[in-house]
Structures are given as C-alpha cells and as structure tokens.
Amino acid sequence: MVFTRKIKKKSGTYLARVENYREDGKVKQKVIKYIGKEINGKPIRRVKTSDI
C-alpha cells in the first residue's frame, strides 16, 4: 500500500511517498519518493541548486 506521509521536523513539515511491507512479522515502511516541503498546506517541490 503506497500513501503520502507527513514528516514533522523542527524546520517544517515534509512530504514523502511511502510503502508498507512486512518483514519477519513486523510492518516496516520504505520511502519511495521524496515530494518536498509543505508550506501553508500546499506541497512545495525541492529545487536543485543547478536549476537556479
């Protein structure tokens, strides 16, 4: 099952696509794709310094 997860840090809220899977009887999560930072309820994509 793939879904979007909010990761709250001191510097803000970040979004990532994660997938649940079971290993040795335990449920674990694997990050599939980093989406970006959430500002005012809207996702803001990461900008590479080479694109500036």
PDB file of N, CA and C in Angstrom:
ATOM      1  N   MET A   1       0.838  -1.169   0.000  1.00  0.00           N
ATOM      2  CA  MET A   1       0.000   0.000   0.000  1.00  0.00           C
ATOM      3  C   MET A   1       0.887   1.238   0.000  1.00  0.00           C
ATOM      4  N   VAL A   2       0.713   2.105  -0.964  1.00  0.00           N
ATOM      5  CA  VAL A   2       1.511   3.324  -1.086  1.00  0.00           C
ATOM      6  C   VAL A   2       0.647   4.519  -0.690  1.00  0.00           C
ATOM      7  N   PHE A   3       1.209   5.424   0.120  1.00  0.00           N
ATOM      8  CA  PHE A   3       0.477   6.616   0.531  1.00  0.00           C
ATOM      9  C   PHE A   3       1.453   7.744   0.828  1.00  0.00           C
ATOM     10  N   THR A   4       0.925   8.950   1.012  1.00  0.00           N
ATOM     11  CA  THR A   4       1.739  10.120   1.322  1.00  0.00           C
ATOM     12  C   THR A   4       1.821  10.275   2.833  1.00  0.00           C
ATOM     13  N   ARG A   5       3.031  10.444   3.315  1.00  0.00           N
ATOM     14  CA  ARG A   5       3.269  10.568   4.748  1.00  0.00           C
ATOM     15  C   ARG A   5       3.802  11.962   5.049  1.00  0.00           C
ATOM     16  N   LYS A   6       3.289  12.584   6.115  1.00  0.00           N
ATOM     17  CA  LYS A   6       3.789  13.866   6.588  1.00  0.00           C
ATOM     18  C   LYS A   6       4.847  13.596   7.656  1.00  0.00           C
ATOM     19  N   ILE A   7       6.019  14.172   7.462  1.00  0.00           N
ATOM     20  CA  ILE A   7       7.123  14.013   8.399  1.00  0.00           C
ATOM     21  C   ILE A   7       7.365  15.373   9.037  1.00  0.00           C
ATOM     22  N   LYS A   8       7.065  15.491  10.337  1.00  0.00           N
ATOM     23  CA  LYS A   8       7.204  16.764  11.032  1.00  0.00           C
ATOM     24  C   LYS A   8       8.588  16.865  11.664  1.00  0.00           C
ATOM     25  N   LYS A   9       9.299  17.912  11.311  1.00  0.00           N
ATOM     26  CA  LYS A   9      10.625  18.207  11.854  1.00  0.00           C
ATOM     27  C   LYS A   9      10.593  19.606  12.449  1.00  0.00           C
ATOM     28  N   LYS A  10      11.669  19.967  13.104  1.00  0.00           N
ATOM     29  CA  LYS A  10      11.765  21.289  13.691  1.00  0.00           C
ATOM     30  C   LYS A  10      11.709  22.384  12.622  1.00  0.00           C
ATOM     31  N   SER A  11      12.274  22.111  11.447  1.00  0.00           N
ATOM     32  CA  SER A  11      12.347  23.104  10.381  1.00  0.00           C
ATOM     33  C   SER A  11      11.086  23.154   9.510  1.00  0.00           C
ATOM     34  N   GLY A  12      10.123  22.266   9.729  1.00  0.00           N
ATOM     35  CA  GLY A  12       8.887  22.291   8.957  1.00  0.00           C
ATOM     36  C   GLY A  12       8.314  20.903   8.742  1.00  0.00           C
ATOM     37  N   THR A  13       7.296  20.819   7.893  1.00  0.00           N
ATOM     38  CA  THR A  13       6.638  19.559   7.569  1.00  0.00           C
ATOM     39  C   THR A  13       7.039  19.151   6.156  1.00  0.00           C
ATOM     40  N   TYR A  14       7.465  17.899   6.010  1.00  0.00           N
ATOM     41  CA  TYR A  14       7.910  17.372   4.730  1.00  0.00           C
ATOM     42  C   TYR A  14       6.981  16.253   4.292  1.00  0.00           C
ATOM     43  N   LEU A  15       6.878  16.045   2.985  1.00  0.00           N
ATOM     44  CA  LEU A  15       6.003  15.017   2.430  1.00  0.00           C
ATOM     45  C   LEU A  15       6.834  13.976   1.693  1.00  0.00           C
ATOM     46  N   ALA A  16       6.440  12.712   1.838  1.00  0.00           N
ATOM     47  CA  ALA A  16       7.134  11.625   1.153  1.00  0.00           C
ATOM     48  C   ALA A  16       6.126  10.532   0.818  1.00  0.00           C
ATOM     49  N   ARG A  17       6.330   9.863  -0.324  1.00  0.00           N
ATOM     50  CA  ARG A  17       5.514   8.705  -0.696  1.00  0.00           C
ATOM     51  C   ARG A  17       6.171   7.485  -0.068  1.00  0.00           C
ATOM     52  N   VAL A  18       5.435   6.727   0.726  1.00  0.00           N
ATOM     53  CA  VAL A  18       5.973   5.557   1.403  1.00  0.00           C
ATOM     54  C   VAL A  18       5.134   4.328   1.100  1.00  0.00           C
ATOM     55  N   GLU A  19       5.747   3.170   1.276  1.00  0.00           N
ATOM     56  CA  GLU A  19       5.085   1.894   1.034  1.00  0.00           C
ATOM     57  C   GLU A  19       5.258   1.022   2.271  1.00  0.00           C
ATOM     58  N   ASN A  20       4.176   0.386   2.708  1.00  0.00           N
ATOM     59  CA  ASN A  20       4.237  -0.546   3.825  1.00  0.00           C
ATOM     60  C   ASN A  20       4.557  -1.945   3.313  1.00  0.00           C
ATOM     61  N   TYR A  21       5.373  -2.662   4.082  1.00  0.00           N
ATOM     62  CA  TYR A  21       5.642  -4.061   3.780  1.00  0.00           C
ATOM     63  C   TYR A  21       5.922  -4.796   5.082  1.00  0.00           C
ATOM     64  N   ARG A  22       5.825  -6.097   5.043  1.00  0.00           N
ATOM     65  CA  ARG A  22       6.017  -6.918   6.236  1.00  0.00           C
ATOM     66  C   ARG A  22       7.311  -7.711   6.099  1.00  0.00           C
ATOM     67  N   GLU A  23       8.148  -7.654   7.155  1.00  0.00           N
ATOM     68  CA  GLU A  23       9.415  -8.380   7.171  1.00  0.00           C
ATOM     69  C   GLU A  23       9.589  -9.020   8.547  1.00  0.00           C
ATOM     70  N   ASP A  24       9.734 -10.321   8.581  1.00  0.00           N
ATOM     71  CA  ASP A  24       9.890 -11.076   9.827  1.00  0.00           C
ATOM     72  C   ASP A  24       8.749 -10.811  10.799  1.00  0.00           C
ATOM     73  N   GLY A  25       7.532 -10.684  10.283  1.00  0.00           N
ATOM     74  CA  GLY A  25       6.361 -10.481  11.123  1.00  0.00           C
ATOM     75  C   GLY A  25       6.161  -9.049  11.584  1.00  0.00           C
ATOM     76  N   LYS A  26       7.026  -8.123  11.179  1.00  0.00           N
ATOM     77  CA  LYS A  26       6.908  -6.720  11.564  1.00  0.00           C
ATOM     78  C   LYS A  26       6.568  -5.875  10.337  1.00  0.00           C
ATOM     79  N   VAL A  27       5.770  -4.830  10.554  1.00  0.00           N
ATOM     80  CA  VAL A  27       5.417  -3.915   9.476  1.00  0.00           C
ATOM     81  C   VAL A  27       6.478  -2.824   9.414  1.00  0.00           C
ATOM     82  N   LYS A  28       7.007  -2.595   8.214  1.00  0.00           N
ATOM     83  CA  LYS A  28       8.035  -1.582   8.005  1.00  0.00           C
ATOM     84  C   LYS A  28       7.601  -0.669   6.870  1.00  0.00           C
ATOM     85  N   GLN A  29       8.293   0.476   6.743  1.00  0.00           N
ATOM     86  CA  GLN A  29       7.981   1.421   5.676  1.00  0.00           C
ATOM     87  C   GLN A  29       9.228   1.699   4.852  1.00  0.00           C
ATOM     88  N   LYS A  30       9.021   1.863   3.566  1.00  0.00           N
ATOM     89  CA  LYS A  30      10.097   2.178   2.639  1.00  0.00           C
ATOM     90  C   LYS A  30       9.712   3.460   1.906  1.00  0.00           C
ATOM     91  N   VAL A  31      10.610   4.465   1.934  1.00  0.00           N
ATOM     92  CA  VAL A  31      10.352   5.717   1.230  1.00  0.00           C
ATOM     93  C   VAL A  31      10.571   5.480  -0.255  1.00  0.00           C
ATOM     94  N   ILE A  32       9.552   5.762  -1.057  1.00  0.00           N
ATOM     95  CA  ILE A  32       9.631   5.565  -2.496  1.00  0.00           C
ATOM     96  C   ILE A  32      10.095   6.846  -3.180  1.00  0.00           C
ATOM     97  N   LYS A  33       9.501   7.992  -2.770  1.00  0.00           N
ATOM     98  CA  LYS A  33       9.843   9.256  -3.404  1.00  0.00           C
ATOM     99  C   LYS A  33       9.653  10.392  -2.415  1.00  0.00           C
ATOM    100  N   TYR A  34      10.632  11.291  -2.366  1.00  0.00           N
ATOM    101  CA  TYR A  34      10.528  12.497  -1.579  1.00  0.00           C
ATOM    102  C   TYR A  34       9.756  13.516  -2.404  1.00  0.00           C
ATOM    103  N   ILE A  35       8.681  14.087  -1.845  1.00  0.00           N
ATOM    104  CA  ILE A  35       7.845  15.026  -2.583  1.00  0.00           C
ATOM    105  C   ILE A  35       8.321  16.458  -2.373  1.00  0.00           C
ATOM    106  N   GLY A  36       8.565  16.856  -1.156  1.00  0.00           N
ATOM    107  CA  GLY A  36       9.013  18.213  -0.881  1.00  0.00           C
ATOM    108  C   GLY A  36       8.486  18.705   0.457  1.00  0.00           C
ATOM    109  N   LYS A  37       8.613  20.001   0.674  1.00  0.00           N
ATOM    110  CA  LYS A  37       8.201  20.620   1.917  1.00  0.00           C
ATOM    111  C   LYS A  37       6.769  21.131   1.787  1.00  0.00           C
ATOM    112  N   GLU A  38       6.027  21.084   2.883  1.00  0.00           N
ATOM    113  CA  GLU A  38       4.662  21.581   2.896  1.00  0.00           C
ATOM    114  C   GLU A  38       4.651  22.970   3.521  1.00  0.00           C
ATOM    115  N   ILE A  39       4.172  23.957   2.772  1.00  0.00           N
ATOM    116  CA  ILE A  39       4.074  25.327   3.262  1.00  0.00           C
ATOM    117  C   ILE A  39       2.642  25.795   3.055  1.00  0.00           C
ATOM    118  N   ASN A  40       2.004  26.208   4.145  1.00  0.00           N
ATOM    119  CA  ASN A  40       0.602  26.662   4.130  1.00  0.00           C
ATOM    120  C   ASN A  40      -0.334  25.608   3.546  1.00  0.00           C
ATOM    121  N   GLY A  41      -0.082  24.351   3.840  1.00  0.00           N
ATOM    122  CA  GLY A  41      -0.953  23.268   3.397  1.00  0.00           C
ATOM    123  C   GLY A  41      -0.755  22.830   1.964  1.00  0.00           C
ATOM    124  N   LYS A  42       0.234  23.401   1.252  1.00  0.00           N
ATOM    125  CA  LYS A  42       0.480  23.043  -0.141  1.00  0.00           C
ATOM    126  C   LYS A  42       1.903  22.495  -0.278  1.00  0.00           C
ATOM    127  N   PRO A  43       2.079  21.424  -1.054  1.00  0.00           N
ATOM    128  CA  PRO A  43       3.429  20.875  -1.237  1.00  0.00           C
ATOM    129  C   PRO A  43       4.276  21.762  -2.141  1.00  0.00           C
ATOM    130  N   ILE A  44       5.511  22.007  -1.720  1.00  0.00           N
ATOM    131  CA  ILE A  44       6.466  22.775  -2.494  1.00  0.00           C
ATOM    132  C   ILE A  44       7.591  21.831  -2.867  1.00  0.00           C
ATOM    133  N   ARG A  45       7.854  21.673  -4.165  1.00  0.00           N
ATOM    134  CA  ARG A  45       8.871  20.725  -4.634  1.00  0.00           C
ATOM    135  C   ARG A  45      10.264  21.252  -4.356  1.00  0.00           C
ATOM    136  N   ARG A  46      11.176  20.339  -4.187  1.00  0.00           N
ATOM    137  CA  ARG A  46      12.575  20.671  -3.952  1.00  0.00           C
ATOM    138  C   ARG A  46      13.183  21.236  -5.235  1.00  0.00           C
ATOM    139  N   VAL A  47      13.995  22.259  -5.086  1.00  0.00           N
ATOM    140  CA  VAL A  47      14.666  22.884  -6.226  1.00  0.00           C
ATOM    141  C   VAL A  47      16.158  22.614  -6.107  1.00  0.00           C
ATOM    142  N   LYS A  48      16.757  22.088  -7.171  1.00  0.00           N
ATOM    143  CA  LYS A  48      18.190  21.823  -7.189  1.00  0.00           C
ATOM    144  C   LYS A  48      18.934  23.133  -7.418  1.00  0.00           C
ATOM    145  N   THR A  49      20.117  23.264  -6.832  1.00  0.00           N
ATOM    146  CA  THR A  49      20.902  24.478  -6.987  1.00  0.00           C
ATOM    147  C   THR A  49      21.383  24.642  -8.422  1.00  0.00           C
ATOM    148  N   SER A  50      21.522  23.555  -9.163  1.00  0.00           N
ATOM    149  CA  SER A  50      21.946  23.653 -10.560  1.00  0.00           C
ATOM    150  C   SER A  50      20.857  24.235 -11.469  1.00  0.00           C
ATOM    151  N   ASP A  51      19.593  24.190 -11.013  1.00  0.00           N
ATOM    152  CA  ASP A  51      18.485  24.735 -11.797  1.00  0.00           C
ATOM    153  C   ASP A  51      18.302  26.242 -11.615  1.00  0.00           C
ATOM    154  N   ILE A  52      18.991  26.814 -10.646  1.00  0.00           N
ATOM    155  CA  ILE A  52      18.827  28.249 -10.348  1.00  0.00           C
ATOM    156  C   ILE A  52      19.687  29.069 -11.309  1.00  0.00           C
TER     157      ILE A  52
END
